[in-house]
Protein backbone atom coordinates (compact mmCIF):
# COMPACT_ATOMS: atom_id res chain seq x y z
CA MET A 1 0.00 0.00 0.00
CA ASP A 2 1.35 3.35 -1.02
CA PRO A 3 0.97 6.06 1.64
CA ASN A 4 0.76 8.77 -1.05
CA TYR A 5 -2.76 7.73 -2.08
CA SER A 6 -5.85 8.04 0.09
CA LYS A 7 -7.45 4.71 0.94
CA ASN A 8 -10.81 5.26 -0.75
CA ILE A 9 -12.29 5.49 -4.25
CA THR A 10 -10.65 8.86 -4.98
CA GLY A 11 -7.21 7.40 -4.21
CA TRP A 12 -7.92 4.50 -6.53
CA ILE A 13 -9.01 6.88 -9.31
CA GLN A 14 -5.89 9.00 -8.78
CA ALA A 15 -3.69 5.90 -8.95
CA ASN A 16 -5.27 4.84 -12.26
CA THR A 17 -5.36 8.23 -13.99
CA THR A 18 -2.99 10.93 -12.78
CA GLY A 19 -0.62 8.97 -10.54
CA LEU A 20 1.87 10.66 -8.27
CA PRO A 21 2.96 14.24 -9.03
CA GLU A 22 6.64 13.40 -9.65
CA TYR A 23 5.82 10.77 -12.33
CA PRO A 24 4.06 10.95 -15.72
CA PRO A 25 0.32 10.16 -15.66
CA ALA A 26 -0.66 6.50 -15.59
CA TRP A 27 -2.84 6.73 -18.73
CA LEU A 28 0.25 7.78 -20.68
CA PHE A 29 1.75 4.36 -19.95
CA GLY A 30 -1.28 2.71 -21.57
CA ILE A 31 -1.14 4.92 -24.65
CA ARG A 32 2.58 4.29 -25.11
CA THR A 33 2.04 0.55 -24.67
CA LEU A 34 -0.65 0.46 -27.37
CA LEU A 35 1.49 2.53 -29.71
CA SER A 36 4.62 0.42 -29.26
CA ASN A 37 2.69 -2.85 -29.63
CA SER A 38 1.09 -1.59 -32.84
CA ILE A 39 4.44 -0.54 -34.30
CA PHE A 40 5.99 -3.88 -33.30
CA ALA A 41 3.15 -5.82 -34.96
CA LEU A 42 3.33 -3.72 -38.13
CA VAL A 43 7.08 -4.27 -38.42
CA PHE A 44 6.59 -8.02 -38.27
CA TYR A 45 3.64 -7.89 -40.64
CA PHE A 46 5.58 -6.03 -43.31
CA ALA A 47 8.76 -8.03 -42.71
CA LEU A 48 7.00 -11.37 -43.14
CA SER A 49 4.45 -10.47 -45.80
CA PRO A 50 5.30 -11.79 -49.27
CA LYS A 51 6.62 -9.25 -51.69
CA SER A 52 5.21 -9.05 -55.21
CA ASP A 53 8.60 -9.74 -56.82
CA THR A 54 9.11 -12.96 -54.80
CA LEU A 55 5.78 -14.49 -55.74
CA ILE A 56 5.86 -17.08 -58.49
CA GLU A 57 3.37 -16.15 -61.13
CA GLU A 58 1.67 -18.80 -63.19
CA HIS A 59 3.22 -17.78 -66.52
CA ASP A 60 6.71 -18.23 -65.04
CA LEU A 61 6.15 -21.92 -64.23
CA PRO A 62 7.52 -24.54 -66.65
CA GLN A 63 5.01 -26.44 -68.75
CA THR A 64 4.44 -30.03 -67.59
CA THR A 65 2.21 -31.24 -70.44
C-alpha cells in the first residue's frame, strides 16, 4: 500500500489516472504501450508479408504437359 494515495475510491481513481505528481500520468503508460505494440506488430507484418517480386506467377512456371 502506497501512503501517497488516500485509501478510498478517490485514491484508486488518482492511482489509475494521474498517478503521483513526480511521475508521468498513468494513462500515458497505456497509450505508449498500445502505440509500441502496434508498431511492433506492423514491423513483423511487413517483414513477413510476401513481396510481389518474390511471388511465383503462373506464366513463369515450366510447362508439364
